[in-house]
N, C-alpha and C. Protein backbone atom coordinates (compact mmCIF):
# COMPACT_ATOMS: atom_id res chain seq x y z
N UNK A 1 -83.01 6.56 48.04
CA UNK A 1 -83.91 7.34 47.47
C UNK A 1 -84.02 7.22 45.87
N UNK A 2 -82.48 6.34 45.36
CA UNK A 2 -82.96 6.35 44.06
C UNK A 2 -82.51 4.83 43.67
N UNK A 3 -83.65 3.94 43.69
CA UNK A 3 -82.91 2.59 43.71
C UNK A 3 -82.48 2.15 42.40
N UNK A 4 -83.07 2.51 41.62
CA UNK A 4 -82.60 2.42 39.91
C UNK A 4 -81.41 2.85 39.60
N UNK A 5 -80.95 4.11 39.81
CA UNK A 5 -79.78 4.64 39.81
C UNK A 5 -78.60 3.85 40.70
N UNK A 6 -79.36 3.07 42.06
CA UNK A 6 -78.04 2.42 42.99
C UNK A 6 -77.90 0.79 42.09
N UNK A 7 -78.91 0.73 41.40
CA UNK A 7 -78.92 -0.57 40.98
C UNK A 7 -77.70 -0.63 39.73
N UNK A 8 -77.84 0.13 39.14
CA UNK A 8 -77.36 0.39 37.60
C UNK A 8 -75.72 0.59 38.10
N UNK A 9 -75.44 1.21 39.47
CA UNK A 9 -74.38 1.67 39.51
C UNK A 9 -73.74 0.19 40.22
N UNK A 10 -74.54 -0.95 41.28
CA UNK A 10 -74.06 -2.22 41.26
C UNK A 10 -73.64 -3.29 40.06
N UNK A 11 -74.45 -2.97 39.19
CA UNK A 11 -74.31 -3.47 37.88
C UNK A 11 -72.73 -3.18 37.16
N UNK A 12 -72.63 -1.86 37.29
CA UNK A 12 -71.36 -1.20 36.71
C UNK A 12 -70.06 -1.97 37.68
N UNK A 13 -70.24 -2.01 38.90
CA UNK A 13 -69.22 -2.58 39.54
C UNK A 13 -69.00 -4.03 39.37
N UNK A 14 -70.18 -4.41 38.95
CA UNK A 14 -69.60 -6.04 39.13
C UNK A 14 -69.25 -6.35 37.63
N UNK A 15 -69.63 -5.67 36.88
CA UNK A 15 -68.90 -6.04 35.72
C UNK A 15 -67.44 -5.57 35.35
N UNK A 16 -66.91 -4.27 35.94
CA UNK A 16 -65.74 -3.64 36.21
C UNK A 16 -65.09 -4.60 36.59
N UNK A 17 -65.50 -5.19 37.68
CA UNK A 17 -64.36 -6.27 38.46
C UNK A 17 -64.70 -7.80 38.01
N UNK A 18 -65.41 -7.92 37.29
CA UNK A 18 -65.19 -9.05 36.41
C UNK A 18 -64.32 -9.27 35.17
N UNK A 19 -64.55 -8.32 34.33
CA UNK A 19 -63.41 -7.60 33.49
C UNK A 19 -62.09 -7.57 34.01
N UNK A 20 -61.80 -6.96 35.12
CA UNK A 20 -60.48 -7.20 35.78
C UNK A 20 -60.02 -8.21 35.64
N UNK A 21 -60.60 -9.12 36.43
CA UNK A 21 -60.48 -10.62 36.51
C UNK A 21 -59.98 -11.42 35.08
N UNK A 22 -60.76 -11.03 34.57
CA UNK A 22 -60.37 -11.60 32.94
C UNK A 22 -59.12 -11.06 32.25
N UNK A 23 -58.90 -9.63 32.78
CA UNK A 23 -57.31 -9.24 32.23
C UNK A 23 -56.55 -9.54 33.11
N UNK A 24 -56.54 -10.68 33.81
CA UNK A 24 -55.23 -10.89 34.83
C UNK A 24 -53.80 -11.19 34.33
N UNK A 25 -53.18 -10.86 34.77
CA UNK A 25 -51.80 -10.94 34.40
C UNK A 25 -51.13 -10.33 33.39
N UNK A 26 -52.13 -9.41 32.98
CA UNK A 26 -52.08 -8.96 31.51
C UNK A 26 -51.76 -7.18 31.90
N UNK A 27 -51.06 -6.29 31.39
CA UNK A 27 -51.41 -4.84 31.48
C UNK A 27 -52.39 -4.08 31.61
N UNK A 28 -53.62 -4.74 31.12
CA UNK A 28 -54.89 -4.06 31.44
C UNK A 28 -55.05 -3.95 32.64
N UNK A 29 -55.86 -2.65 32.93
CA UNK A 29 -56.60 -2.79 34.34
C UNK A 29 -58.18 -2.25 34.13
N UNK A 30 -58.86 -2.33 35.12
CA UNK A 30 -60.08 -2.31 34.97
C UNK A 30 -60.75 -1.72 35.85
N UNK A 31 -61.19 -0.36 36.31
CA UNK A 31 -61.83 0.42 37.40
C UNK A 31 -63.05 0.94 37.03
N UNK A 32 -63.13 1.74 38.22
CA UNK A 32 -64.63 2.23 38.07
C UNK A 32 -64.64 3.50 38.95
N UNK A 33 -65.44 4.36 38.37
CA UNK A 33 -64.99 5.73 38.72
C UNK A 33 -66.71 6.25 39.20
N UNK A 34 -66.94 6.52 40.65
CA UNK A 34 -67.64 6.76 41.28
C UNK A 34 -67.85 8.42 41.63
N UNK A 35 -68.49 9.22 40.93
CA UNK A 35 -68.60 10.60 41.12
C UNK A 35 -69.90 10.77 41.99
N UNK A 36 -69.50 11.56 42.61
CA UNK A 36 -70.73 12.21 43.24
C UNK A 36 -71.13 13.55 43.05
N UNK A 37 -72.62 14.02 43.97
CA UNK A 37 -73.24 15.40 42.96
C UNK A 37 -72.03 16.37 42.02
N UNK A 38 -72.23 16.18 41.03
CA UNK A 38 -71.57 16.80 40.07
C UNK A 38 -72.24 17.82 39.10
N UNK A 39 -70.91 19.07 39.32
CA UNK A 39 -72.00 20.53 38.90
C UNK A 39 -72.23 20.20 37.62
N UNK A 40 -73.41 20.67 36.92
CA UNK A 40 -73.71 20.32 35.45
C UNK A 40 -75.06 21.27 35.45
N UNK A 41 -75.47 21.67 34.34
CA UNK A 41 -76.74 22.60 34.08
C UNK A 41 -77.79 21.77 34.65
N UNK A 42 -77.53 20.43 34.70
CA UNK A 42 -79.25 19.68 34.99
C UNK A 42 -79.12 19.50 36.39
N UNK A 43 -78.10 19.43 37.19
CA UNK A 43 -77.78 19.41 38.71
C UNK A 43 -78.25 20.86 38.97
N UNK A 44 -77.93 21.78 38.25
CA UNK A 44 -78.47 23.28 38.96
C UNK A 44 -79.93 23.55 38.57
N UNK A 45 -80.51 22.80 37.55
CA UNK A 45 -82.15 23.11 37.29
C UNK A 45 -82.61 22.15 38.45
N UNK A 46 -81.82 20.84 38.63
CA UNK A 46 -82.43 20.52 39.56
C UNK A 46 -82.67 20.81 41.17
N UNK A 47 -81.52 21.77 41.99
CA UNK A 47 -81.25 22.37 42.88
C UNK A 47 -82.39 23.25 42.69
N UNK A 48 -82.53 24.07 42.14
CA UNK A 48 -83.45 25.14 41.95
C UNK A 48 -84.95 24.65 41.65
N UNK A 49 -85.08 23.81 41.56
CA UNK A 49 -86.17 22.71 41.78
C UNK A 49 -87.05 22.59 42.95
N UNK A 50 -86.06 22.11 43.91
CA UNK A 50 -86.01 21.76 44.90
C UNK A 50 -85.75 22.73 46.21
N UNK A 51 -85.49 24.21 45.83
CA UNK A 51 -85.07 25.18 46.61
C UNK A 51 -86.05 25.67 47.17
N UNK A 52 -85.87 26.55 48.35
CA UNK A 52 -87.02 27.23 49.49
C UNK A 52 -87.07 28.36 48.46
N UNK A 53 -85.98 28.86 47.73
CA UNK A 53 -86.06 30.16 47.30
C UNK A 53 -85.32 29.74 45.73
N UNK A 54 -86.24 28.94 44.75
CA UNK A 54 -85.47 29.22 43.52
C UNK A 54 -84.75 30.18 42.64
N UNK A 55 -85.36 31.05 42.98
CA UNK A 55 -84.56 32.75 42.12
C UNK A 55 -83.13 33.15 43.02
N UNK A 56 -83.00 32.63 44.37
CA UNK A 56 -81.68 32.94 44.96
C UNK A 56 -80.43 32.25 43.97
N UNK A 57 -79.42 33.07 44.45
CA UNK A 57 -78.26 32.58 44.03
C UNK A 57 -77.81 31.04 43.71
N UNK A 58 -77.21 30.48 42.74
CA UNK A 58 -76.76 28.81 43.07
C UNK A 58 -76.27 28.73 43.91
N UNK A 59 -75.07 29.06 44.22
CA UNK A 59 -74.03 29.15 45.28
C UNK A 59 -75.12 28.92 47.01
N UNK A 60 -75.96 29.86 47.00
CA UNK A 60 -77.09 29.95 48.54
C UNK A 60 -77.87 28.41 47.99
N UNK A 61 -78.21 28.48 47.31
CA UNK A 61 -79.14 27.26 46.48
C UNK A 61 -78.58 25.63 47.02
N UNK A 62 -76.99 25.90 46.36
CA UNK A 62 -76.32 24.35 46.88
C UNK A 62 -76.25 24.31 48.22
N UNK A 63 -75.52 25.70 48.89
CA UNK A 63 -75.43 25.23 50.49
C UNK A 63 -76.65 25.01 50.86
N UNK A 64 -77.65 25.29 50.47
CA UNK A 64 -79.10 24.45 51.11
C UNK A 64 -79.26 23.27 50.75
N UNK A 65 -79.09 22.92 49.72
CA UNK A 65 -78.88 21.46 49.38
C UNK A 65 -78.15 20.67 50.37
N UNK A 66 -76.91 21.04 50.35
CA UNK A 66 -76.07 20.10 51.35
C UNK A 66 -76.23 20.27 52.78
N UNK A 67 -76.69 21.33 53.23
CA UNK A 67 -76.87 21.79 54.63
C UNK A 67 -78.08 20.69 54.80
N UNK A 68 -79.10 20.52 53.88
CA UNK A 68 -80.16 19.52 54.04
C UNK A 68 -80.46 18.47 53.65
N UNK A 69 -80.24 18.34 52.50
CA UNK A 69 -80.09 16.70 51.71
C UNK A 69 -78.84 16.06 51.52
N UNK A 70 -77.54 16.55 51.69
CA UNK A 70 -76.92 15.90 51.68
C UNK A 70 -75.58 16.10 52.87
N UNK A 71 -76.14 16.61 54.10
CA UNK A 71 -75.05 16.91 55.42
C UNK A 71 -74.36 15.95 55.72
N UNK A 72 -74.25 14.78 54.93
CA UNK A 72 -73.17 14.03 55.47
C UNK A 72 -71.93 14.28 54.40
N UNK A 73 -71.84 15.17 53.77
CA UNK A 73 -70.90 15.27 52.47
C UNK A 73 -69.94 15.90 53.98
N UNK A 74 -68.48 15.80 53.05
CA UNK A 74 -67.54 16.40 53.90
C UNK A 74 -67.45 17.84 53.34
N UNK A 75 -66.98 17.68 51.91
CA UNK A 75 -66.45 18.67 50.97
C UNK A 75 -67.61 19.55 50.82
N UNK A 76 -69.00 19.23 51.02
CA UNK A 76 -70.16 20.39 51.30
C UNK A 76 -70.11 21.28 49.78
N UNK A 77 -69.90 20.66 49.16
CA UNK A 77 -70.23 21.35 47.60
C UNK A 77 -70.32 20.27 46.29
N UNK A 78 -70.61 20.96 45.31
CA UNK A 78 -70.38 20.06 44.19
C UNK A 78 -69.33 19.70 44.07
N UNK A 79 -69.14 18.19 43.18
CA UNK A 79 -67.82 18.16 42.81
C UNK A 79 -67.99 18.83 41.53
N UNK A 80 -66.48 18.87 41.09
CA UNK A 80 -66.36 20.00 39.36
C UNK A 80 -66.43 18.79 39.18
N UNK A 81 -66.75 19.01 37.42
CA UNK A 81 -66.15 17.73 36.62
C UNK A 81 -64.90 17.75 36.17
N UNK A 82 -63.69 19.07 36.33
CA UNK A 82 -62.35 18.60 36.12
C UNK A 82 -61.91 17.79 37.22
N UNK A 83 -62.72 17.60 38.76
CA UNK A 83 -61.94 16.97 39.50
C UNK A 83 -62.26 15.62 39.42
N UNK A 84 -63.35 15.09 38.84
CA UNK A 84 -63.79 13.85 38.21
C UNK A 84 -62.79 13.39 37.32
N UNK A 85 -62.52 14.18 35.94
CA UNK A 85 -61.35 14.20 35.03
C UNK A 85 -59.91 13.89 35.50
N UNK A 86 -59.99 14.51 36.69
CA UNK A 86 -58.19 14.12 37.01
C UNK A 86 -58.02 12.65 37.61
N UNK A 87 -58.98 12.05 38.28
CA UNK A 87 -59.15 10.97 38.78
C UNK A 87 -59.19 10.01 37.70
N UNK A 88 -59.81 10.49 36.29
CA UNK A 88 -59.64 9.29 34.87
C UNK A 88 -58.77 9.33 34.44
N UNK A 89 -57.72 10.52 34.67
CA UNK A 89 -56.88 11.10 33.90
C UNK A 89 -55.69 9.97 35.11
N UNK A 90 -55.75 10.28 36.03
CA UNK A 90 -54.81 9.12 36.95
C UNK A 90 -54.78 7.95 36.22
N UNK A 91 -56.13 7.37 36.26
CA UNK A 91 -56.05 5.94 36.04
C UNK A 91 -55.99 5.54 34.54
N UNK A 92 -56.38 6.36 34.11
CA UNK A 92 -55.85 5.94 32.50
C UNK A 92 -53.96 6.57 32.15
N UNK A 93 -53.40 6.78 33.14
CA UNK A 93 -51.45 6.93 33.30
C UNK A 93 -51.08 5.83 33.75
N UNK A 94 -49.83 5.61 33.46
CA UNK A 94 -49.27 4.20 34.15
C UNK A 94 -49.25 4.36 35.50
N UNK A 95 -49.06 5.47 36.32
CA UNK A 95 -49.07 5.48 37.58
C UNK A 95 -49.92 4.93 38.48
N UNK A 96 -50.97 4.58 37.76
CA UNK A 96 -52.23 3.42 38.24
C UNK A 96 -51.89 2.22 38.11
N UNK A 97 -51.19 1.94 37.76
CA UNK A 97 -50.66 0.26 37.44
C UNK A 97 -50.90 -0.95 38.06
N UNK A 98 -51.25 -0.59 39.20
CA UNK A 98 -51.53 -1.20 40.45
C UNK A 98 -52.38 -1.07 41.36
N UNK A 99 -53.85 0.10 40.16
CA UNK A 99 -55.05 -0.23 40.71
C UNK A 99 -55.68 -0.83 39.68
N UNK A 100 -56.44 -2.19 39.97
CA UNK A 100 -56.85 -2.48 39.29
C UNK A 100 -58.29 -3.83 40.12
N UNK A 101 -59.35 -3.32 39.26
CA UNK A 101 -60.63 -4.08 40.31
C UNK A 101 -60.91 -3.17 40.87
N UNK A 102 -61.16 -1.77 41.26
CA UNK A 102 -61.45 -0.67 42.06
C UNK A 102 -62.42 0.09 41.87
N UNK A 103 -62.91 0.45 42.79
CA UNK A 103 -64.00 1.29 43.06
C UNK A 103 -63.52 2.27 43.53
N UNK A 104 -63.14 3.54 42.59
CA UNK A 104 -62.58 4.86 43.45
C UNK A 104 -63.82 5.78 42.71
N UNK A 105 -64.07 6.60 44.38
CA UNK A 105 -64.99 7.72 44.75
C UNK A 105 -64.28 8.85 44.23
N UNK A 106 -65.20 9.53 43.46
CA UNK A 106 -65.05 11.30 43.64
C UNK A 106 -65.94 12.17 43.73
N UNK A 107 -66.40 11.63 45.09
CA UNK A 107 -67.46 12.17 45.84
C UNK A 107 -67.63 13.37 47.15
N UNK A 108 -66.13 13.67 47.16
CA UNK A 108 -66.35 14.53 48.23
C UNK A 108 -66.73 14.11 49.84
N UNK A 109 -66.64 12.67 50.17
CA UNK A 109 -66.76 12.08 50.98
C UNK A 109 -68.31 12.16 51.67
N UNK A 110 -69.03 12.05 50.59
CA UNK A 110 -70.39 11.96 50.90
C UNK A 110 -70.93 10.53 51.57
N UNK A 111 -70.24 9.58 50.93
CA UNK A 111 -70.51 7.85 51.36
C UNK A 111 -69.77 7.90 52.68
N UNK A 112 -70.63 7.44 53.65
CA UNK A 112 -69.80 7.61 55.09
C UNK A 112 -69.64 6.65 55.72
N UNK A 113 -68.19 6.00 54.84
CA UNK A 113 -67.53 4.31 55.38
C UNK A 113 -66.05 4.78 54.73
N UNK A 114 -65.16 3.44 55.47
CA UNK A 114 -64.00 3.60 55.39
C UNK A 114 -63.66 2.31 54.09
N UNK A 115 -64.91 1.69 54.02
CA UNK A 115 -64.22 0.45 52.80
C UNK A 115 -64.21 1.24 51.29
């Protein structure tokens, strides 16, 4: 339902994979992090604008959003920015040295695929 967003994500994946191939045989790794719905002031304002009761507590509005608009989510809540940062910290560490040219999701199981 957000073609412009999907297009930009696809471009990001293509560029990062191409850059990873350009750094073949070096100690440089290039990966993409694909976060899902992440808590922020902006997303909370969006949720309120879509809610049946915009004055309800944000946790109730979030639960309604995941029940109706994102029912495929396994996490059934917003991802916290710190959770995305934890994945980025791993990718920036030596522990991820064999992770290269990858697209890694921090989206709480929203995407229904094993690939």
